């Protein structure tokens, strides 16, 4: 009899454990389903908020368009173009053109692709920003004379200043006086 009661008790505990386990599984599935619904509702709320912001922006834009249209009509007297204001073709557009006046600025020119002849001449020599001379042997003497002439013309346009006897010197000459690197660059350019 003892064995039979113990056996029934073991079966009872196993059944109770199975019921608790199934209730726990059912509860877990229900909680996950509710969480899924909450996430879906949050996504819908975010989508509706975005749509609301978009509609508010569109409403404000249309209100501003109406206000601008009222200003154009009342304040400025603007009106939409009518059919007579449109051109029918390029010839009609060209007929509206007038020749350039004598005091008109030069027309804007567009860039062009480099020709092969541009590369045959080689690259220009590097010029020192301090001395104004070229590095190496790439700069010809007539170009040096042209740069000296530019320096002389620039000096004549400058107002006279009294900087401890530095009148008539270019900025490059004044910078090279106390700069030991400037002297080395000047030697390299010669």
N, C-alpha and C. Protein backbone atom coordinates (compact mmCIF):
# COMPACT_ATOMS: atom_id res chain seq x y z
N UNK A 1 0.81 -1.19 0.00
CA UNK A 1 0.00 0.00 0.00
C UNK A 1 0.86 1.26 0.00
N UNK A 2 1.95 1.17 0.67
CA UNK A 2 2.85 2.30 0.75
C UNK A 2 3.45 2.61 -0.61
N UNK A 3 3.74 1.58 -1.34
CA UNK A 3 4.33 1.78 -2.64
C UNK A 3 3.32 2.42 -3.58
N UNK A 4 2.06 1.98 -3.45
CA UNK A 4 1.02 2.52 -4.32
C UNK A 4 0.79 4.00 -4.04
N UNK A 5 0.73 4.46 -2.81
CA UNK A 5 0.52 5.86 -2.45
C UNK A 5 1.71 6.71 -2.86
N UNK A 6 2.90 6.17 -2.75
CA UNK A 6 4.08 6.89 -3.17
C UNK A 6 4.10 7.06 -4.69
N UNK A 7 3.64 6.03 -5.38
CA UNK A 7 3.60 6.08 -6.84
C UNK A 7 2.59 7.12 -7.30
N UNK A 8 1.44 7.20 -6.66
CA UNK A 8 0.40 8.17 -7.01
C UNK A 8 0.90 9.59 -6.73
N UNK A 9 1.61 9.73 -5.61
CA UNK A 9 2.16 11.04 -5.28
C UNK A 9 3.17 11.49 -6.34
N UNK A 10 4.01 10.62 -6.82
CA UNK A 10 5.00 10.95 -7.85
C UNK A 10 4.30 11.36 -9.15
N UNK A 11 3.24 10.64 -9.50
CA UNK A 11 2.48 10.97 -10.71
C UNK A 11 1.79 12.31 -10.53
N UNK A 12 1.27 12.55 -9.33
CA UNK A 12 0.62 13.85 -9.04
C UNK A 12 1.61 15.01 -9.17
N UNK A 13 2.80 14.85 -8.61
CA UNK A 13 3.81 15.91 -8.72
C UNK A 13 4.23 16.10 -10.18
N UNK A 14 4.37 15.04 -10.93
CA UNK A 14 4.75 15.14 -12.34
C UNK A 14 3.65 15.88 -13.12
N UNK A 15 2.37 15.54 -12.81
CA UNK A 15 1.25 16.21 -13.49
C UNK A 15 1.22 17.69 -13.13
N UNK A 16 1.42 17.99 -11.85
CA UNK A 16 1.43 19.39 -11.41
C UNK A 16 2.58 20.15 -12.08
N UNK A 17 3.74 19.51 -12.20
CA UNK A 17 4.88 20.15 -12.86
C UNK A 17 4.58 20.39 -14.34
N UNK A 18 3.93 19.44 -15.00
CA UNK A 18 3.56 19.58 -16.42
C UNK A 18 2.55 20.71 -16.60
N UNK A 19 1.59 20.82 -15.69
CA UNK A 19 0.60 21.90 -15.77
C UNK A 19 1.28 23.25 -15.56
N UNK A 20 2.18 23.33 -14.57
CA UNK A 20 2.90 24.60 -14.33
C UNK A 20 3.78 24.97 -15.52
N UNK A 21 4.43 23.97 -16.10
CA UNK A 21 5.28 24.21 -17.26
C UNK A 21 4.47 24.68 -18.46
N UNK A 22 3.32 24.07 -18.70
CA UNK A 22 2.46 24.50 -19.82
C UNK A 22 1.87 25.89 -19.56
N UNK A 23 1.52 26.19 -18.30
CA UNK A 23 1.01 27.52 -17.97
C UNK A 23 2.11 28.57 -18.17
N UNK A 24 3.33 28.22 -17.76
CA UNK A 24 4.46 29.15 -17.95
C UNK A 24 4.71 29.40 -19.46
N UNK A 25 4.66 28.34 -20.27
CA UNK A 25 4.87 28.49 -21.71
C UNK A 25 3.76 29.33 -22.33
N UNK A 26 2.52 29.09 -21.91
CA UNK A 26 1.39 29.86 -22.45
C UNK A 26 1.52 31.33 -22.05
N UNK A 27 1.92 31.57 -20.81
CA UNK A 27 2.09 32.94 -20.33
C UNK A 27 3.23 33.64 -21.08
N UNK A 28 4.33 32.93 -21.33
CA UNK A 28 5.46 33.50 -22.07
C UNK A 28 5.03 33.87 -23.49
N UNK A 29 4.29 32.97 -24.17
CA UNK A 29 3.81 33.28 -25.52
C UNK A 29 2.87 34.49 -25.52
N UNK A 30 2.04 34.59 -24.49
CA UNK A 30 1.10 35.71 -24.42
C UNK A 30 1.86 37.02 -24.20
N UNK A 31 2.86 37.00 -23.32
CA UNK A 31 3.67 38.20 -23.05
C UNK A 31 4.40 38.64 -24.32
N UNK A 32 4.97 37.70 -25.04
CA UNK A 32 5.66 38.04 -26.29
C UNK A 32 4.69 38.59 -27.33
N UNK A 33 3.48 38.05 -27.37
CA UNK A 33 2.48 38.56 -28.31
C UNK A 33 2.09 40.00 -27.96
N UNK A 34 1.94 40.29 -26.67
CA UNK A 34 1.61 41.65 -26.24
C UNK A 34 2.77 42.60 -26.55
N UNK A 35 4.02 42.16 -26.29
CA UNK A 35 5.18 42.99 -26.63
C UNK A 35 5.23 43.29 -28.12
N UNK A 36 4.92 42.29 -28.93
CA UNK A 36 4.90 42.49 -30.37
C UNK A 36 3.84 43.52 -30.77
N UNK A 37 2.67 43.43 -30.16
CA UNK A 37 1.61 44.40 -30.45
C UNK A 37 2.02 45.81 -30.01
N UNK A 38 2.71 45.91 -28.87
CA UNK A 38 3.17 47.21 -28.37
C UNK A 38 4.19 47.81 -29.34
N UNK A 39 5.14 47.00 -29.83
CA UNK A 39 6.12 47.49 -30.80
C UNK A 39 5.44 47.95 -32.08
N UNK A 40 4.46 47.17 -32.54
CA UNK A 40 3.73 47.54 -33.75
C UNK A 40 2.98 48.86 -33.54
N UNK A 41 2.37 49.03 -32.37
CA UNK A 41 1.67 50.27 -32.07
C UNK A 41 2.64 51.45 -32.01
N UNK A 42 3.83 51.24 -31.43
CA UNK A 42 4.83 52.31 -31.37
C UNK A 42 5.28 52.71 -32.77
N UNK A 43 5.49 51.72 -33.65
CA UNK A 43 5.87 52.04 -35.03
C UNK A 43 4.77 52.83 -35.74
N UNK A 44 3.53 52.46 -35.50
CA UNK A 44 2.42 53.20 -36.10
C UNK A 44 2.35 54.62 -35.57
N UNK A 45 2.62 54.79 -34.28
CA UNK A 45 2.62 56.13 -33.69
C UNK A 45 3.71 56.99 -34.32
N UNK A 46 4.93 56.41 -34.49
CA UNK A 46 6.02 57.16 -35.10
C UNK A 46 5.68 57.51 -36.54
N UNK A 47 5.09 56.57 -37.29
CA UNK A 47 4.70 56.85 -38.67
C UNK A 47 3.63 57.94 -38.74
N UNK A 48 2.68 57.91 -37.82
CA UNK A 48 1.64 58.94 -37.80
C UNK A 48 2.21 60.31 -37.41
N UNK A 49 3.19 60.32 -36.50
CA UNK A 49 3.82 61.59 -36.14
C UNK A 49 4.57 62.18 -37.34
N UNK A 50 5.28 61.33 -38.09
CA UNK A 50 5.98 61.81 -39.28
C UNK A 50 4.99 62.34 -40.31
N UNK A 51 3.89 61.63 -40.48
CA UNK A 51 2.87 62.08 -41.44
C UNK A 51 2.27 63.41 -40.98
N UNK A 52 2.06 63.55 -39.67
CA UNK A 52 1.51 64.80 -39.14
C UNK A 52 2.47 65.96 -39.40
N UNK A 53 3.77 65.75 -39.17
CA UNK A 53 4.76 66.80 -39.42
C UNK A 53 4.78 67.17 -40.90
N UNK A 54 4.70 66.14 -41.76
CA UNK A 54 4.69 66.41 -43.21
C UNK A 54 3.45 67.21 -43.61
N UNK A 55 2.31 66.85 -43.06
CA UNK A 55 1.08 67.59 -43.39
C UNK A 55 1.12 69.02 -42.85
N UNK A 56 1.69 69.20 -41.66
CA UNK A 56 1.82 70.56 -41.12
C UNK A 56 2.73 71.41 -42.00
N UNK A 57 3.84 70.81 -42.45
CA UNK A 57 4.76 71.53 -43.33
C UNK A 57 4.08 71.89 -44.64
N UNK A 58 3.35 70.94 -45.20
CA UNK A 58 2.64 71.21 -46.46
C UNK A 58 1.58 72.30 -46.27
N UNK A 59 0.89 72.25 -45.15
CA UNK A 59 -0.12 73.26 -44.88
C UNK A 59 0.51 74.64 -44.76
N UNK A 60 1.65 74.73 -44.04
CA UNK A 60 2.33 76.02 -43.90
C UNK A 60 2.86 76.51 -45.25
N UNK A 61 3.36 75.58 -46.06
CA UNK A 61 3.87 75.97 -47.38
C UNK A 61 2.75 76.50 -48.26
N UNK A 62 1.62 75.83 -48.23
CA UNK A 62 0.49 76.29 -49.05
C UNK A 62 -0.05 77.63 -48.53
N UNK A 63 -0.03 77.81 -47.22
CA UNK A 63 -0.46 79.09 -46.67
C UNK A 63 0.50 80.20 -47.10
N UNK A 64 1.80 79.91 -47.09
CA UNK A 64 2.78 80.89 -47.54
C UNK A 64 2.62 81.17 -49.04
N UNK A 65 2.30 80.14 -49.83
CA UNK A 65 2.09 80.35 -51.26
C UNK A 65 0.91 81.28 -51.49
N UNK A 66 -0.13 81.08 -50.72
CA UNK A 66 -1.29 81.95 -50.88
C UNK A 66 -0.95 83.38 -50.48
N UNK A 67 -0.18 83.53 -49.39
CA UNK A 67 0.23 84.85 -48.95
C UNK A 67 1.12 85.51 -50.00
N UNK A 68 2.07 84.74 -50.58
CA UNK A 68 2.93 85.28 -51.62
C UNK A 68 2.13 85.67 -52.87
N UNK A 69 1.16 84.85 -53.21
CA UNK A 69 0.32 85.17 -54.37
C UNK A 69 -0.46 86.46 -54.12
N UNK A 70 -0.96 86.62 -52.90
CA UNK A 70 -1.68 87.86 -52.57
C UNK A 70 -0.74 89.07 -52.64
N UNK A 71 0.47 88.94 -52.10
CA UNK A 71 1.44 90.04 -52.17
C UNK A 71 1.78 90.36 -53.62
N UNK A 72 2.02 89.33 -54.42
CA UNK A 72 2.37 89.56 -55.82
C UNK A 72 1.25 90.27 -56.56
N UNK A 73 0.02 89.89 -56.28
CA UNK A 73 -1.12 90.48 -56.98
C UNK A 73 -1.41 91.90 -56.47
N UNK A 74 -1.39 92.09 -55.15
CA UNK A 74 -1.81 93.37 -54.59
C UNK A 74 -0.65 94.36 -54.51
N UNK A 75 0.44 93.97 -53.86
CA UNK A 75 1.54 94.89 -53.59
C UNK A 75 2.40 95.16 -54.82
N UNK A 76 2.79 94.10 -55.53
CA UNK A 76 3.76 94.25 -56.61
C UNK A 76 3.13 94.29 -57.99
N UNK A 77 1.90 93.84 -58.13
CA UNK A 77 1.23 93.85 -59.42
C UNK A 77 1.73 92.77 -60.37
N UNK A 78 2.32 91.72 -59.84
CA UNK A 78 2.79 90.63 -60.69
C UNK A 78 1.61 89.80 -61.16
N UNK A 79 1.75 89.20 -62.33
CA UNK A 79 0.73 88.29 -62.85
C UNK A 79 1.43 87.15 -63.56
N UNK A 80 0.73 86.04 -63.70
CA UNK A 80 1.30 84.89 -64.40
C UNK A 80 1.45 85.24 -65.88
N UNK A 81 2.48 84.71 -66.55
CA UNK A 81 2.66 85.03 -67.96
C UNK A 81 1.52 84.46 -68.80
N UNK A 82 1.15 85.22 -69.82
CA UNK A 82 0.10 84.73 -70.72
C UNK A 82 0.74 84.16 -71.98
N UNK A 83 -0.06 83.67 -72.89
CA UNK A 83 0.44 82.95 -74.06
C UNK A 83 1.28 83.83 -74.97
N UNK A 84 1.02 85.12 -75.00
CA UNK A 84 1.77 86.02 -75.87
C UNK A 84 3.19 86.27 -75.41
N UNK A 85 3.52 85.92 -74.17
CA UNK A 85 4.84 86.17 -73.64
C UNK A 85 5.82 85.04 -73.90
N UNK A 86 5.36 83.91 -74.41
CA UNK A 86 6.24 82.77 -74.67
C UNK A 86 6.81 82.87 -76.07
N UNK A 87 8.05 82.45 -76.23
CA UNK A 87 8.71 82.45 -77.53
C UNK A 87 8.47 81.12 -78.22
N UNK A 88 8.40 81.18 -79.55
CA UNK A 88 8.09 79.96 -80.29
C UNK A 88 9.33 79.18 -80.69
N UNK A 89 10.48 79.80 -80.71
CA UNK A 89 11.66 79.06 -81.13
C UNK A 89 12.92 79.87 -80.91
N UNK A 90 14.05 79.30 -81.37
CA UNK A 90 15.35 79.94 -81.19
C UNK A 90 15.47 81.20 -82.05
N UNK A 91 14.87 81.19 -83.22
CA UNK A 91 14.95 82.37 -84.10
C UNK A 91 14.26 83.57 -83.46
N UNK A 92 13.13 83.34 -82.83
CA UNK A 92 12.43 84.44 -82.18
C UNK A 92 13.26 84.96 -81.00
N UNK A 93 13.92 84.06 -80.30
CA UNK A 93 14.80 84.48 -79.21
C UNK A 93 15.98 85.26 -79.75
N UNK A 94 16.57 84.82 -80.86
CA UNK A 94 17.70 85.51 -81.45
C UNK A 94 17.30 86.89 -81.96
N UNK A 95 16.07 87.04 -82.40
CA UNK A 95 15.64 88.35 -82.90
C UNK A 95 15.56 89.38 -81.78
N UNK A 96 15.46 88.94 -80.55
CA UNK A 96 15.40 89.87 -79.42
C UNK A 96 16.78 90.38 -79.03
N UNK A 97 17.84 89.74 -79.51
CA UNK A 97 19.19 90.11 -79.14
C UNK A 97 19.62 91.41 -79.78
N UNK A 98 20.52 92.12 -79.10
CA UNK A 98 21.09 93.36 -79.63
C UNK A 98 22.61 93.20 -79.62
N UNK A 99 23.31 93.90 -80.53
CA UNK A 99 24.77 93.80 -80.51
C UNK A 99 25.34 94.39 -79.23
N UNK A 100 26.53 93.89 -78.86
CA UNK A 100 27.18 94.38 -77.64
C UNK A 100 27.60 95.82 -77.81
N UNK A 101 27.43 96.59 -76.77
CA UNK A 101 27.86 97.98 -76.78
C UNK A 101 29.36 98.09 -76.60
N UNK A 102 29.90 99.28 -76.80
CA UNK A 102 31.33 99.50 -76.68
C UNK A 102 31.82 99.35 -75.24
N UNK A 103 30.99 99.73 -74.29
CA UNK A 103 31.39 99.66 -72.89
C UNK A 103 30.92 98.37 -72.20
N UNK A 104 30.42 97.41 -72.97
CA UNK A 104 29.94 96.16 -72.40
C UNK A 104 31.12 95.30 -71.95
N UNK A 105 30.95 94.55 -70.88
CA UNK A 105 32.05 93.68 -70.43
C UNK A 105 32.26 92.53 -71.42
N UNK A 106 33.44 91.94 -71.35
CA UNK A 106 33.74 90.82 -72.24
C UNK A 106 32.83 89.64 -71.90
N UNK A 107 32.49 88.84 -72.88
CA UNK A 107 31.64 87.68 -72.60
C UNK A 107 32.40 86.64 -71.77
N UNK A 108 31.66 85.85 -71.07
CA UNK A 108 32.25 84.80 -70.24
C UNK A 108 32.70 83.69 -71.17
N UNK A 109 33.93 83.26 -70.98
CA UNK A 109 34.47 82.18 -71.82
C UNK A 109 34.52 80.90 -71.00
N UNK A 110 34.31 79.80 -71.68
CA UNK A 110 34.32 78.52 -70.99
C UNK A 110 35.70 77.89 -71.10
N UNK A 111 36.01 77.01 -70.21
CA UNK A 111 37.30 76.35 -70.20
C UNK A 111 37.39 75.38 -71.38
N UNK A 112 38.61 75.14 -71.83
CA UNK A 112 38.80 74.20 -72.93
C UNK A 112 39.75 73.10 -72.47
N UNK A 113 39.71 72.00 -73.18
CA UNK A 113 40.60 70.89 -72.87
C UNK A 113 42.01 71.25 -73.34
N UNK A 114 43.00 70.76 -72.62
CA UNK A 114 44.38 71.06 -72.96
C UNK A 114 44.77 70.31 -74.24
N UNK A 115 45.50 71.01 -75.13
CA UNK A 115 46.00 70.40 -76.36
C UNK A 115 47.31 69.70 -76.06
N UNK A 116 47.74 68.86 -77.01
CA UNK A 116 49.02 68.19 -76.84
C UNK A 116 50.17 69.19 -76.93
N UNK A 117 49.98 70.29 -77.65
CA UNK A 117 51.03 71.29 -77.77
C UNK A 117 51.33 71.97 -76.43
N UNK A 118 50.34 72.00 -75.53
CA UNK A 118 50.56 72.59 -74.21
C UNK A 118 51.54 71.75 -73.40
N UNK A 119 51.52 70.43 -73.60
CA UNK A 119 52.40 69.55 -72.84
C UNK A 119 53.80 69.48 -73.44
N UNK A 120 53.96 69.85 -74.72
CA UNK A 120 55.28 69.80 -75.35
C UNK A 120 56.21 70.85 -74.77
N UNK A 121 55.67 71.98 -74.35
CA UNK A 121 56.49 73.05 -73.81
C UNK A 121 57.05 72.69 -72.43
N UNK A 122 56.48 71.72 -71.77
CA UNK A 122 56.96 71.31 -70.45
C UNK A 122 56.22 72.07 -69.36
N UNK A 123 56.54 71.70 -68.14
CA UNK A 123 55.90 72.35 -67.01
C UNK A 123 56.64 73.64 -66.67
N UNK A 124 55.94 74.64 -66.15
CA UNK A 124 56.62 75.88 -65.76
C UNK A 124 57.50 75.64 -64.54
N UNK A 125 58.51 76.48 -64.40
CA UNK A 125 59.45 76.35 -63.28
C UNK A 125 58.76 76.76 -61.99
N UNK A 126 59.21 76.16 -60.90
CA UNK A 126 58.70 76.52 -59.59
C UNK A 126 59.29 77.86 -59.18
N UNK A 127 58.47 78.73 -58.61
CA UNK A 127 58.90 80.06 -58.22
C UNK A 127 58.83 80.16 -56.71
N UNK A 128 59.87 80.69 -56.12
CA UNK A 128 59.92 80.87 -54.67
C UNK A 128 59.01 82.02 -54.27
N UNK A 129 58.17 81.83 -53.26
CA UNK A 129 57.32 82.93 -52.82
C UNK A 129 58.09 84.01 -52.07
N UNK A 130 59.27 83.69 -51.57
CA UNK A 130 60.05 84.67 -50.82
C UNK A 130 60.91 85.55 -51.73
N UNK A 131 61.59 84.91 -52.68
CA UNK A 131 62.52 85.68 -53.51
C UNK A 131 61.92 86.06 -54.85
N UNK A 132 60.91 85.35 -55.29
CA UNK A 132 60.33 85.63 -56.60
C UNK A 132 61.12 84.99 -57.71
N UNK A 133 62.22 84.33 -57.42
CA UNK A 133 63.05 83.67 -58.42
C UNK A 133 62.62 82.22 -58.59
N UNK A 134 63.15 81.61 -59.65
CA UNK A 134 62.78 80.24 -59.94
C UNK A 134 63.74 79.29 -59.26
N UNK A 135 63.28 78.10 -58.93
CA UNK A 135 64.12 77.03 -58.44
C UNK A 135 64.72 76.33 -59.65
N UNK A 136 66.01 76.13 -59.68
CA UNK A 136 66.63 75.40 -60.79
C UNK A 136 66.87 76.29 -61.98
N UNK A 137 67.01 75.68 -63.15
CA UNK A 137 67.34 76.40 -64.37
C UNK A 137 66.13 76.62 -65.26
N UNK A 138 64.92 76.46 -64.76
CA UNK A 138 63.73 76.50 -65.61
C UNK A 138 63.31 77.90 -66.00
N UNK A 139 63.78 78.97 -65.35
CA UNK A 139 63.29 80.31 -65.63
C UNK A 139 64.32 81.06 -66.46
N UNK A 140 63.89 81.57 -67.59
CA UNK A 140 64.80 82.29 -68.49
C UNK A 140 65.06 83.68 -67.97
N UNK A 141 66.15 84.31 -68.49
CA UNK A 141 66.54 85.62 -68.00
C UNK A 141 65.54 86.69 -68.41
N UNK A 142 64.89 86.54 -69.59
CA UNK A 142 63.90 87.55 -69.98
C UNK A 142 62.68 87.49 -69.07
N UNK A 143 62.37 86.32 -68.53
CA UNK A 143 61.27 86.25 -67.57
C UNK A 143 61.68 86.90 -66.26
N UNK A 144 62.96 86.79 -65.88
CA UNK A 144 63.44 87.48 -64.69
C UNK A 144 63.34 88.99 -64.87
N UNK A 145 63.69 89.45 -66.06
CA UNK A 145 63.59 90.88 -66.33
C UNK A 145 62.15 91.35 -66.30
N UNK A 146 61.24 90.50 -66.81
CA UNK A 146 59.82 90.86 -66.78
C UNK A 146 59.32 90.94 -65.34
N UNK A 147 59.79 89.99 -64.48
CA UNK A 147 59.34 90.05 -63.09
C UNK A 147 59.95 91.26 -62.38
N UNK A 148 61.22 91.62 -62.74
CA UNK A 148 61.81 92.83 -62.16
C UNK A 148 61.03 94.06 -62.58
N UNK A 149 60.61 94.10 -63.85
CA UNK A 149 59.83 95.23 -64.32
C UNK A 149 58.50 95.31 -63.59
N UNK A 150 57.89 94.13 -63.32
CA UNK A 150 56.64 94.13 -62.56
C UNK A 150 56.88 94.64 -61.16
N UNK A 151 58.00 94.22 -60.54
CA UNK A 151 58.32 94.68 -59.19
C UNK A 151 58.53 96.19 -59.19
N UNK A 152 59.22 96.72 -60.23
CA UNK A 152 59.45 98.16 -60.30
C UNK A 152 58.14 98.91 -60.48
N UNK A 153 57.25 98.36 -61.31
CA UNK A 153 55.97 99.05 -61.52
C UNK A 153 55.13 98.96 -60.26
N UNK A 154 55.22 97.83 -59.54
CA UNK A 154 54.47 97.71 -58.29
C UNK A 154 55.01 98.70 -57.25
N UNK A 155 56.35 98.88 -57.23
CA UNK A 155 56.93 99.81 -56.27
C UNK A 155 56.51 101.24 -56.56
N UNK A 156 56.37 101.58 -57.83
CA UNK A 156 55.98 102.95 -58.15
C UNK A 156 54.54 103.23 -57.75
N UNK A 157 53.71 102.19 -57.69
CA UNK A 157 52.31 102.39 -57.31
C UNK A 157 52.14 102.41 -55.80
N UNK A 158 53.09 101.87 -55.06
CA UNK A 158 52.96 101.82 -53.61
C UNK A 158 53.26 103.17 -52.99
N UNK A 159 52.59 103.49 -51.89
CA UNK A 159 52.92 104.73 -51.20
C UNK A 159 54.26 104.59 -50.50
N UNK A 160 54.97 105.68 -50.39
CA UNK A 160 56.30 105.67 -49.76
C UNK A 160 56.14 105.50 -48.27
N UNK A 161 56.92 104.54 -47.71
CA UNK A 161 56.90 104.33 -46.26
C UNK A 161 58.32 104.39 -45.76
N UNK A 162 58.49 104.69 -44.49
CA UNK A 162 59.81 104.79 -43.91
C UNK A 162 59.97 103.63 -42.94
N UNK A 163 60.44 102.46 -43.44
CA UNK A 163 60.64 101.28 -42.62
C UNK A 163 62.13 101.03 -42.47
N UNK A 164 62.83 101.87 -41.80
CA UNK A 164 64.26 101.72 -41.50
C UNK A 164 65.06 101.52 -42.78
N UNK A 165 64.83 102.35 -43.78
CA UNK A 165 65.60 102.32 -45.01
C UNK A 165 65.20 101.21 -45.96
N UNK A 166 64.00 100.70 -45.87
CA UNK A 166 63.57 99.60 -46.72
C UNK A 166 62.69 100.10 -47.86
N UNK A 167 62.71 101.38 -48.17
CA UNK A 167 61.89 101.91 -49.25
C UNK A 167 62.34 101.32 -50.58
N UNK A 168 61.37 101.02 -51.43
CA UNK A 168 61.67 100.52 -52.75
C UNK A 168 61.93 99.03 -52.81
N UNK A 169 61.91 98.34 -51.70
CA UNK A 169 62.12 96.90 -51.72
C UNK A 169 60.78 96.18 -51.76
N UNK A 170 60.78 95.06 -52.47
CA UNK A 170 59.55 94.29 -52.54
C UNK A 170 59.36 93.51 -51.24
N UNK A 171 58.19 92.95 -51.09
CA UNK A 171 57.88 92.17 -49.90
C UNK A 171 58.82 90.96 -49.80
N UNK A 172 59.13 90.36 -50.93
CA UNK A 172 60.03 89.21 -50.93
C UNK A 172 61.42 89.61 -50.43
N UNK A 173 61.90 90.79 -50.85
CA UNK A 173 63.21 91.25 -50.39
C UNK A 173 63.20 91.53 -48.89
N UNK A 174 62.14 92.16 -48.40
CA UNK A 174 62.06 92.47 -46.98
C UNK A 174 61.94 91.21 -46.13
N UNK A 175 61.24 90.19 -46.63
CA UNK A 175 61.11 88.95 -45.87
C UNK A 175 62.41 88.16 -45.87
N UNK A 176 63.21 88.30 -46.92
CA UNK A 176 64.44 87.52 -47.03
C UNK A 176 65.59 88.11 -46.23
N UNK A 177 65.47 89.34 -45.72
CA UNK A 177 66.56 89.99 -45.03
C UNK A 177 66.93 89.25 -43.75
N UNK A 178 65.98 89.00 -42.86
CA UNK A 178 66.26 88.40 -41.57
C UNK A 178 65.97 86.91 -41.55
N UNK A 179 65.72 86.32 -42.68
CA UNK A 179 65.34 84.93 -42.74
C UNK A 179 66.50 84.11 -43.31
N UNK A 180 67.13 83.23 -42.52
CA UNK A 180 68.25 82.45 -43.06
C UNK A 180 67.80 81.49 -44.15
N UNK A 181 66.58 81.05 -44.13
CA UNK A 181 66.07 80.17 -45.18
C UNK A 181 65.93 80.95 -46.47
N UNK A 182 65.54 82.23 -46.38
CA UNK A 182 65.40 83.06 -47.57
C UNK A 182 66.71 83.20 -48.32
N UNK A 183 67.82 83.32 -47.59
CA UNK A 183 69.13 83.43 -48.24
C UNK A 183 69.46 82.14 -48.96
N UNK A 184 69.16 81.01 -48.35
CA UNK A 184 69.42 79.73 -49.01
C UNK A 184 68.56 79.57 -50.24
N UNK A 185 67.29 80.02 -50.18
CA UNK A 185 66.43 79.94 -51.35
C UNK A 185 66.91 80.86 -52.46
N UNK A 186 67.44 82.01 -52.08
CA UNK A 186 67.97 82.94 -53.09
C UNK A 186 69.18 82.32 -53.78
N UNK A 187 70.05 81.65 -53.02
CA UNK A 187 71.20 81.00 -53.61
C UNK A 187 70.77 79.86 -54.52
N UNK A 188 69.73 79.11 -54.13
CA UNK A 188 69.28 78.00 -54.94
C UNK A 188 68.66 78.50 -56.24
N UNK A 189 68.04 79.68 -56.22
CA UNK A 189 67.40 80.18 -57.43
C UNK A 189 68.43 80.72 -58.43
N UNK A 190 69.63 81.10 -57.96
CA UNK A 190 70.66 81.59 -58.88
C UNK A 190 71.35 80.43 -59.48
